[in-house]
PDB file of all heavy atoms in Angstrom:
ATOM      1  N   SER A   1      56.479 -15.767-120.557  1.00  0.00           N
ATOM      2  CA  SER A   1      55.839 -16.722-121.478  1.00  0.00           C
ATOM      3  C   SER A   1      54.991 -16.017-122.520  1.00  0.00           C
ATOM      4  O   SER A   1      54.660 -16.601-123.559  1.00  0.00           O
ATOM      5  CB  SER A   1      54.967 -17.713-120.697  1.00  0.00           C
ATOM      6  OG  SER A   1      53.826 -17.073-120.160  1.00  0.00           O
ATOM      7  N   ASP A   2      54.641 -14.756-122.257  1.00  0.00           N
ATOM      8  CA  ASP A   2      53.833 -13.992-123.203  1.00  0.00           C
ATOM      9  C   ASP A   2      54.695 -13.303-124.264  1.00  0.00           C
ATOM     10  O   ASP A   2      54.164 -12.642-125.151  1.00  0.00           O
ATOM     11  CB  ASP A   2      52.997 -12.949-122.450  1.00  0.00           C
ATOM     12  CG  ASP A   2      51.817 -12.450-123.272  1.00  0.00           C
ATOM     13  OD1 ASP A   2      51.125 -13.296-123.876  1.00  0.00           O
ATOM     14  OD2 ASP A   2      51.582 -11.221-123.311  1.00  0.00           O
ATOM     15  N   MET A   3      56.008 -13.445-124.151  1.00  0.00           N
ATOM     16  CA  MET A   3      56.939 -12.895-125.142  1.00  0.00           C
ATOM     17  C   MET A   3      57.496 -14.033-125.980  1.00  0.00           C
ATOM     18  O   MET A   3      57.698 -15.143-125.468  1.00  0.00           O
ATOM     19  CB  MET A   3      58.086 -12.160-124.447  1.00  0.00           C
ATOM     20  CG  MET A   3      57.639 -11.082-123.472  1.00  0.00           C
ATOM     21  SD  MET A   3      59.048 -10.357-122.600  1.00  0.00           S
ATOM     22  CE  MET A   3      58.205  -9.416-121.316  1.00  0.00           C
ATOM     23  N   ARG A   4      57.767 -13.785-127.212  1.00  0.00           N
ATOM     24  CA  ARG A   4      58.196 -14.853-128.108  1.00  0.00           C
ATOM     25  C   ARG A   4      59.479 -15.511-127.617  1.00  0.00           C
ATOM     26  O   ARG A   4      59.570 -16.736-127.546  1.00  0.00           O
ATOM     27  CB  ARG A   4      58.388 -14.293-129.523  1.00  0.00           C
ATOM     28  CG  ARG A   4      58.817 -15.358-130.535  1.00  0.00           C
ATOM     29  CD  ARG A   4      58.944 -14.780-131.925  1.00  0.00           C
ATOM     30  NE  ARG A   4      57.662 -14.270-132.417  1.00  0.00           N
ATOM     31  CZ  ARG A   4      57.498 -13.682-133.595  1.00  0.00           C
ATOM     32  NH1 ARG A   4      58.542 -13.501-134.399  1.00  0.00           N
ATOM     33  NH2 ARG A   4      56.307 -13.261-133.978  1.00  0.00           N
ATOM     34  N   TRP A   5      60.478 -14.704-127.273  1.00  0.00           N
ATOM     35  CA  TRP A   5      61.756 -15.262-126.823  1.00  0.00           C
ATOM     36  C   TRP A   5      61.593 -16.008-125.492  1.00  0.00           C
ATOM     37  O   TRP A   5      62.186 -17.068-125.288  1.00  0.00           O
ATOM     38  CB  TRP A   5      62.803 -14.168-126.667  1.00  0.00           C
ATOM     39  CG  TRP A   5      62.478 -13.138-125.612  1.00  0.00           C
ATOM     40  CD1 TRP A   5      61.806 -11.976-125.767  1.00  0.00           C
ATOM     41  CD2 TRP A   5      62.789 -13.233-124.221  1.00  0.00           C
ATOM     42  NE1 TRP A   5      61.670 -11.308-124.574  1.00  0.00           N
ATOM     43  CE2 TRP A   5      62.276 -12.049-123.606  1.00  0.00           C
ATOM     44  CE3 TRP A   5      63.450 -14.164-123.428  1.00  0.00           C
ATOM     45  CZ2 TRP A   5      62.405 -11.808-122.238  1.00  0.00           C
ATOM     46  CZ3 TRP A   5      63.578 -13.916-122.065  1.00  0.00           C
ATOM     47  CH2 TRP A   5      63.057 -12.752-121.483  1.00  0.00           C
ATOM     48  N   GLY A   6      60.784 -15.446-124.595  1.00  0.00           N
ATOM     49  CA  GLY A   6      60.578 -16.073-123.304  1.00  0.00           C
ATOM     50  C   GLY A   6      59.833 -17.380-123.429  1.00  0.00           C
ATOM     51  O   GLY A   6      60.170 -18.375-122.769  1.00  0.00           O
ATOM     52  N   ASN A   7      58.814 -17.415-124.272  1.00  0.00           N
ATOM     53  CA  ASN A   7      58.043 -18.629-124.481  1.00  0.00           C
ATOM     54  C   ASN A   7      58.909 -19.737-125.055  1.00  0.00           C
ATOM     55  O   ASN A   7      58.788 -20.902-124.667  1.00  0.00           O
ATOM     56  CB  ASN A   7      56.857 -18.340-125.404  1.00  0.00           C
ATOM     57  CG  ASN A   7      55.874 -19.497-125.459  1.00  0.00           C
ATOM     58  OD1 ASN A   7      56.077 -20.462-126.173  1.00  0.00           O
ATOM     59  ND2 ASN A   7      54.814 -19.382-124.673  1.00  0.00           N
ATOM     60  N   LYS A   8      59.811 -19.364-125.956  1.00  0.00           N
ATOM     61  CA  LYS A   8      60.696 -20.355-126.585  1.00  0.00           C
ATOM     62  C   LYS A   8      61.630 -20.979-125.554  1.00  0.00           C
ATOM     63  O   LYS A   8      61.857 -22.195-125.546  1.00  0.00           O
ATOM     64  CB  LYS A   8      61.498 -19.691-127.702  1.00  0.00           C
ATOM     65  CG  LYS A   8      62.340 -20.663-128.519  1.00  0.00           C
ATOM     66  CD  LYS A   8      63.008 -19.957-129.681  1.00  0.00           C
ATOM     67  CE  LYS A   8      63.812 -20.942-130.519  1.00  0.00           C
ATOM     68  NZ  LYS A   8      64.470 -20.271-131.674  1.00  0.00           N
ATOM     69  N   ILE A   9      62.178 -20.154-124.667  1.00  0.00           N
ATOM     70  CA  ILE A   9      63.099 -20.658-123.635  1.00  0.00           C
ATOM     71  C   ILE A   9      62.356 -21.498-122.609  1.00  0.00           C
ATOM     72  O   ILE A   9      62.789 -22.594-122.239  1.00  0.00           O
ATOM     73  CB  ILE A   9      63.826 -19.482-122.950  1.00  0.00           C
ATOM     74  CG1 ILE A   9      64.752 -18.768-123.944  1.00  0.00           C
ATOM     75  CG2 ILE A   9      64.624 -19.979-121.737  1.00  0.00           C
ATOM     76  CD1 ILE A   9      65.348 -17.486-123.399  1.00  0.00           C
ATOM     77  N   LEU A  10      61.225 -21.004-122.140  1.00  0.00           N
ATOM     78  CA  LEU A  10      60.504 -21.660-121.052  1.00  0.00           C
ATOM     79  C   LEU A  10      59.749 -22.903-121.500  1.00  0.00           C
ATOM     80  O   LEU A  10      59.385 -23.735-120.664  1.00  0.00           O
ATOM     81  CB  LEU A  10      59.525 -20.669-120.414  1.00  0.00           C
ATOM     82  CG  LEU A  10      60.139 -19.486-119.679  1.00  0.00           C
ATOM     83  CD1 LEU A  10      59.057 -18.489-119.278  1.00  0.00           C
ATOM     84  CD2 LEU A  10      60.904 -19.951-118.443  1.00  0.00           C
ATOM     85  N   SER A  11      59.505 -23.041-122.795  1.00  0.00           N
ATOM     86  CA  SER A  11      58.698 -24.167-123.280  1.00  0.00           C
ATOM     87  C   SER A  11      59.341 -25.517-122.981  1.00  0.00           C
ATOM     88  O   SER A  11      58.632 -26.527-122.875  1.00  0.00           O
ATOM     89  CB  SER A  11      58.445 -24.031-124.784  1.00  0.00           C
ATOM     90  OG  SER A  11      59.667 -24.056-125.505  1.00  0.00           O
ATOM     91  N   ILE A  12      60.665 -25.557-122.833  1.00  0.00           N
ATOM     92  CA  ILE A  12      61.321 -26.842-122.549  1.00  0.00           C
ATOM     93  C   ILE A  12      60.940 -27.365-121.164  1.00  0.00           C
ATOM     94  O   ILE A  12      61.049 -28.564-120.892  1.00  0.00           O
ATOM     95  CB  ILE A  12      62.857 -26.748-122.664  1.00  0.00           C
ATOM     96  CG1 ILE A  12      63.432 -25.796-121.610  1.00  0.00           C
ATOM     97  CG2 ILE A  12      63.270 -26.339-124.066  1.00  0.00           C
ATOM     98  CD1 ILE A  12      64.946 -25.848-121.506  1.00  0.00           C
ATOM     99  N   PHE A  13      60.490 -26.463-120.265  1.00  0.00           N
ATOM    100  CA  PHE A  13      60.116 -26.879-118.916  1.00  0.00           C
ATOM    101  C   PHE A  13      58.667 -27.355-118.842  1.00  0.00           C
ATOM    102  O   PHE A  13      58.274 -27.960-117.839  1.00  0.00           O
ATOM    103  CB  PHE A  13      60.318 -25.731-117.930  1.00  0.00           C
ATOM    104  CG  PHE A  13      61.728 -25.218-117.867  1.00  0.00           C
ATOM    105  CD1 PHE A  13      62.064 -23.993-118.420  1.00  0.00           C
ATOM    106  CD2 PHE A  13      62.718 -25.962-117.253  1.00  0.00           C
ATOM    107  CE1 PHE A  13      63.364 -23.525-118.360  1.00  0.00           C
ATOM    108  CE2 PHE A  13      64.018 -25.509-117.184  1.00  0.00           C
ATOM    109  CZ  PHE A  13      64.349 -24.282-117.745  1.00  0.00           C
ATOM    110  N   ALA A  14      57.880 -27.072-119.877  1.00  0.00           N
ATOM    111  CA  ALA A  14      56.453 -27.401-119.833  1.00  0.00           C
ATOM    112  C   ALA A  14      56.228 -28.904-119.734  1.00  0.00           C
ATOM    113  O   ALA A  14      55.338 -29.359-119.007  1.00  0.00           O
ATOM    114  CB  ALA A  14      55.749 -26.836-121.065  1.00  0.00           C
ATOM    115  N   ALA A  15      57.034 -29.704-120.453  1.00  0.00           N
ATOM    116  CA  ALA A  15      56.870 -31.156-120.404  1.00  0.00           C
ATOM    117  C   ALA A  15      57.148 -31.690-118.998  1.00  0.00           C
ATOM    118  O   ALA A  15      56.478 -32.610-118.535  1.00  0.00           O
ATOM    119  CB  ALA A  15      57.788 -31.827-121.423  1.00  0.00           C
ATOM    120  N   VAL A  16      58.145 -31.114-118.315  1.00  0.00           N
ATOM    121  CA  VAL A  16      58.429 -31.510-116.927  1.00  0.00           C
ATOM    122  C   VAL A  16      57.221 -31.207-116.052  1.00  0.00           C
ATOM    123  O   VAL A  16      56.848 -31.999-115.180  1.00  0.00           O
ATOM    124  CB  VAL A  16      59.672 -30.775-116.386  1.00  0.00           C
ATOM    125  CG1 VAL A  16      59.965 -31.199-114.956  1.00  0.00           C
ATOM    126  CG2 VAL A  16      60.885 -31.035-117.272  1.00  0.00           C
ATOM    127  N   GLY A  17      56.584 -30.064-116.292  1.00  0.00           N
ATOM    128  CA  GLY A  17      55.412 -29.677-115.521  1.00  0.00           C
ATOM    129  C   GLY A  17      54.205 -30.545-115.792  1.00  0.00           C
ATOM    130  O   GLY A  17      53.394 -30.784-114.887  1.00  0.00           O
ATOM    131  N   LYS A  18      54.056 -31.024-117.022  1.00  0.00           N
ATOM    132  CA  LYS A  18      52.916 -31.876-117.357  1.00  0.00           C
ATOM    133  C   LYS A  18      52.967 -33.212-116.627  1.00  0.00           C
ATOM    134  O   LYS A  18      51.941 -33.850-116.422  1.00  0.00           O
ATOM    135  CB  LYS A  18      52.854 -32.114-118.868  1.00  0.00           C
ATOM    136  CG  LYS A  18      52.451 -30.875-119.663  1.00  0.00           C
ATOM    137  CD  LYS A  18      52.498 -31.150-121.157  1.00  0.00           C
ATOM    138  CE  LYS A  18      52.116 -29.906-121.949  1.00  0.00           C
ATOM    139  NZ  LYS A  18      52.205 -30.118-123.414  1.00  0.00           N
ATOM    140  N   MET A  19      54.169 -33.645-116.290  1.00  0.00           N
ATOM    141  CA  MET A  19      54.325 -34.894-115.539  1.00  0.00           C
ATOM    142  C   MET A  19      55.093 -34.617-114.243  1.00  0.00           C
ATOM    143  O   MET A  19      56.005 -35.344-113.868  1.00  0.00           O
ATOM    144  CB  MET A  19      55.012 -35.959-116.395  1.00  0.00           C
ATOM    145  CG  MET A  19      56.239 -35.511-117.146  1.00  0.00           C
ATOM    146  SD  MET A  19      56.816 -36.732-118.354  1.00  0.00           S
ATOM    147  CE  MET A  19      57.223 -38.132-117.310  1.00  0.00           C
ATOM    148  N   SER A  20      54.680 -33.536-113.551  1.00  0.00           N
ATOM    149  CA  SER A  20      55.396 -33.079-112.363  1.00  0.00           C
ATOM    150  C   SER A  20      55.342 -34.096-111.222  1.00  0.00           C
ATOM    151  O   SER A  20      56.322 -34.251-110.473  1.00  0.00           O
ATOM    152  CB  SER A  20      54.839 -31.741-111.891  1.00  0.00           C
ATOM    153  OG  SER A  20      53.447 -31.812-111.660  1.00  0.00           O
ATOM    154  N   LEU A  21      54.232 -34.799-111.049  1.00  0.00           N
ATOM    155  CA  LEU A  21      54.131 -35.790-109.979  1.00  0.00           C
ATOM    156  C   LEU A  21      55.111 -36.937-110.215  1.00  0.00           C
ATOM    157  O   LEU A  21      55.819 -37.368-109.290  1.00  0.00           O
ATOM    158  CB  LEU A  21      52.697 -36.312-109.881  1.00  0.00           C
ATOM    159  CG  LEU A  21      52.406 -37.336-108.785  1.00  0.00           C
ATOM    160  CD1 LEU A  21      52.785 -36.801-107.411  1.00  0.00           C
ATOM    161  CD2 LEU A  21      50.937 -37.760-108.812  1.00  0.00           C
ATOM    162  N   THR A  22      55.170 -37.410-111.440  1.00  0.00           N
ATOM    163  CA  THR A  22      56.125 -38.463-111.786  1.00  0.00           C
ATOM    164  C   THR A  22      57.548 -37.995-111.543  1.00  0.00           C
ATOM    165  O   THR A  22      58.359 -38.714-110.936  1.00  0.00           O
ATOM    166  CB  THR A  22      55.955 -38.883-113.259  1.00  0.00           C
ATOM    167  OG1 THR A  22      54.666 -39.458-113.441  1.00  0.00           O
ATOM    168  CG2 THR A  22      57.012 -39.881-113.676  1.00  0.00           C
ATOM    169  N   ASN A  23      57.881 -36.802-112.011  1.00  0.00           N
ATOM    170  CA  ASN A  23      59.249 -36.291-111.856  1.00  0.00           C
ATOM    171  C   ASN A  23      59.606 -36.077-110.391  1.00  0.00           C
ATOM    172  O   ASN A  23      60.734 -36.362-109.976  1.00  0.00           O
ATOM    173  CB  ASN A  23      59.407 -34.989-112.642  1.00  0.00           C
ATOM    174  CG  ASN A  23      59.596 -35.229-114.120  1.00  0.00           C
ATOM    175  OD1 ASN A  23      60.382 -36.078-114.524  1.00  0.00           O
ATOM    176  ND2 ASN A  23      58.870 -34.494-114.945  1.00  0.00           N
ATOM    177  N   TYR A  24      58.666 -35.586-109.606  1.00  0.00           N
ATOM    178  CA  TYR A  24      58.905 -35.381-108.173  1.00  0.00           C
ATOM    179  C   TYR A  24      59.231 -36.711-107.488  1.00  0.00           C
ATOM    180  O   TYR A  24      60.203 -36.819-106.728  1.00  0.00           O
ATOM    181  CB  TYR A  24      57.681 -34.736-107.536  1.00  0.00           C
ATOM    182  CG  TYR A  24      57.702 -34.708-106.038  1.00  0.00           C
ATOM    183  CD1 TYR A  24      58.576 -33.875-105.346  1.00  0.00           C
ATOM    184  CD2 TYR A  24      56.845 -35.522-105.293  1.00  0.00           C
ATOM    185  CE1 TYR A  24      58.596 -33.865-103.954  1.00  0.00           C
ATOM    186  CE2 TYR A  24      56.858 -35.511-103.918  1.00  0.00           C
ATOM    187  CZ  TYR A  24      57.731 -34.684-103.251  1.00  0.00           C
ATOM    188  OH  TYR A  24      57.752 -34.680-101.874  1.00  0.00           O
ATOM    189  N   LEU A  25      58.436 -37.747-107.769  1.00  0.00           N
ATOM    190  CA  LEU A  25      58.656 -39.048-107.142  1.00  0.00           C
ATOM    191  C   LEU A  25      59.946 -39.700-107.623  1.00  0.00           C
ATOM    192  O   LEU A  25      60.675 -40.313-106.825  1.00  0.00           O
ATOM    193  CB  LEU A  25      57.461 -39.970-107.416  1.00  0.00           C
ATOM    194  CG  LEU A  25      56.132 -39.538-106.780  1.00  0.00           C
ATOM    195  CD1 LEU A  25      54.999 -40.431-107.256  1.00  0.00           C
ATOM    196  CD2 LEU A  25      56.218 -39.570-105.255  1.00  0.00           C
ATOM    197  N   PHE A  26      60.251 -39.535-108.898  1.00  0.00           N
ATOM    198  CA  PHE A  26      61.466 -40.162-109.419  1.00  0.00           C
ATOM    199  C   PHE A  26      62.730 -39.475-108.914  1.00  0.00           C
ATOM    200  O   PHE A  26      63.774 -40.112-108.810  1.00  0.00           O
ATOM    201  CB  PHE A  26      61.431 -40.219-110.951  1.00  0.00           C
ATOM    202  CG  PHE A  26      60.804 -41.485-111.468  1.00  0.00           C
ATOM    203  CD1 PHE A  26      59.429 -41.597-111.588  1.00  0.00           C
ATOM    204  CD2 PHE A  26      61.572 -42.576-111.796  1.00  0.00           C
ATOM    205  CE1 PHE A  26      58.839 -42.765-112.025  1.00  0.00           C
ATOM    206  CE2 PHE A  26      61.007 -43.752-112.251  1.00  0.00           C
ATOM    207  CZ  PHE A  26      59.630 -43.851-112.366  1.00  0.00           C
ATOM    208  N   GLN A  27      62.661 -38.207-108.575  1.00  0.00           N
ATOM    209  CA  GLN A  27      63.797 -37.564-107.915  1.00  0.00           C
ATOM    210  C   GLN A  27      64.114 -38.268-106.601  1.00  0.00           C
ATOM    211  O   GLN A  27      65.285 -38.503-106.276  1.00  0.00           O
ATOM    212  CB  GLN A  27      63.498 -36.083-107.675  1.00  0.00           C
ATOM    213  CG  GLN A  27      63.550 -35.228-108.927  1.00  0.00           C
ATOM    214  CD  GLN A  27      63.069 -33.807-108.687  1.00  0.00           C
ATOM    215  OE1 GLN A  27      62.649 -33.451-107.592  1.00  0.00           O
ATOM    216  NE2 GLN A  27      63.119 -32.971-109.715  1.00  0.00           N
ATOM    217  N   SER A  28      63.083 -38.604-105.855  1.00  0.00           N
ATOM    218  CA  SER A  28      63.272 -39.311-104.589  1.00  0.00           C
ATOM    219  C   SER A  28      63.841 -40.707-104.812  1.00  0.00           C
ATOM    220  O   SER A  28      64.736 -41.153-104.087  1.00  0.00           O
ATOM    221  CB  SER A  28      61.952 -39.406-103.828  1.00  0.00           C
ATOM    222  OG  SER A  28      61.470 -38.137-103.481  1.00  0.00           O
ATOM    223  N   ILE A  29      63.322 -41.405-105.818  1.00  0.00           N
ATOM    224  CA  ILE A  29      63.787 -42.769-106.091  1.00  0.00           C
ATOM    225  C   ILE A  29      65.253 -42.756-106.500  1.00  0.00           C
ATOM    226  O   ILE A  29      66.077 -43.531-105.972  1.00  0.00           O
ATOM    227  CB  ILE A  29      62.922 -43.428-107.184  1.00  0.00           C
ATOM    228  CG1 ILE A  29      61.501 -43.676-106.649  1.00  0.00           C
ATOM    229  CG2 ILE A  29      63.544 -44.743-107.657  1.00  0.00           C
ATOM    230  CD1 ILE A  29      60.507 -44.109-107.705  1.00  0.00           C
ATOM    231  N   TRP A  30      65.613 -41.870-107.422  1.00  0.00           N
ATOM    232  CA  TRP A  30      67.000 -41.804-107.873  1.00  0.00           C
ATOM    233  C   TRP A  30      67.946 -41.453-106.731  1.00  0.00           C
ATOM    234  O   TRP A  30      68.997 -42.065-106.576  1.00  0.00           O
ATOM    235  CB  TRP A  30      67.138 -40.767-108.994  1.00  0.00           C
ATOM    236  CG  TRP A  30      66.506 -41.178-110.287  1.00  0.00           C
ATOM    237  CD1 TRP A  30      65.997 -42.406-110.605  1.00  0.00           C
ATOM    238  CD2 TRP A  30      66.305 -40.365-111.441  1.00  0.00           C
ATOM    239  NE1 TRP A  30      65.491 -42.400-111.882  1.00  0.00           N
ATOM    240  CE2 TRP A  30      65.676 -41.166-112.420  1.00  0.00           C
ATOM    241  CE3 TRP A  30      66.596 -39.037-111.744  1.00  0.00           C
ATOM    242  CZ2 TRP A  30      65.332 -40.684-113.677  1.00  0.00           C
ATOM    243  CZ3 TRP A  30      66.255 -38.559-113.009  1.00  0.00           C
ATOM    244  CH2 TRP A  30      65.636 -39.362-113.953  1.00  0.00           C
ATOM    245  N   CYS A  31      67.562 -40.462-105.930  1.00  0.00           N
ATOM    246  CA  CYS A  31      68.471 -39.990-104.887  1.00  0.00           C
ATOM    247  C   CYS A  31      68.607 -40.985-103.743  1.00  0.00           C
ATOM    248  O   CYS A  31      69.709 -41.167-103.214  1.00  0.00           O
ATOM    249  CB  CYS A  31      68.001 -38.630-104.360  1.00  0.00           C
ATOM    250  SG  CYS A  31      68.325 -37.282-105.516  1.00  0.00           S
ATOM    251  N   THR A  32      67.524 -41.628-103.347  1.00  0.00           N
ATOM    252  CA  THR A  32      67.663 -42.616-102.277  1.00  0.00           C
ATOM    253  C   THR A  32      68.477 -43.826-102.747  1.00  0.00           C
ATOM    254  O   THR A  32      69.211 -44.420-101.953  1.00  0.00           O
ATOM    255  CB  THR A  32      66.285 -43.072-101.757  1.00  0.00           C
ATOM    256  OG1 THR A  32      65.452 -43.472-102.862  1.00  0.00           O
ATOM    257  CG2 THR A  32      65.604 -41.939-100.992  1.00  0.00           C
ATOM    258  N   LEU A  33      68.380 -44.168-104.014  1.00  0.00           N
ATOM    259  CA  LEU A  33      69.234 -45.237-104.542  1.00  0.00           C
ATOM    260  C   LEU A  33      70.700 -44.814-104.547  1.00  0.00           C
ATOM    261  O   LEU A  33      71.596 -45.627-104.303  1.00  0.00           O
ATOM    262  CB  LEU A  33      68.794 -45.622-105.962  1.00  0.00           C
ATOM    263  CG  LEU A  33      67.517 -46.458-106.074  1.00  0.00           C
ATOM    264  CD1 LEU A  33      67.129 -46.654-107.530  1.00  0.00           C
ATOM    265  CD2 LEU A  33      67.688 -47.814-105.384  1.00  0.00           C
TER     266      LEU A  33
END
């Protein structure tokens, strides 16, 4: 993340991390359905 190319690639995952609790719970909801 401290390298320009690495930060650019990894930045797409940051939004998932900002709402990690929501995403974790929705994985369970989708899969059990």
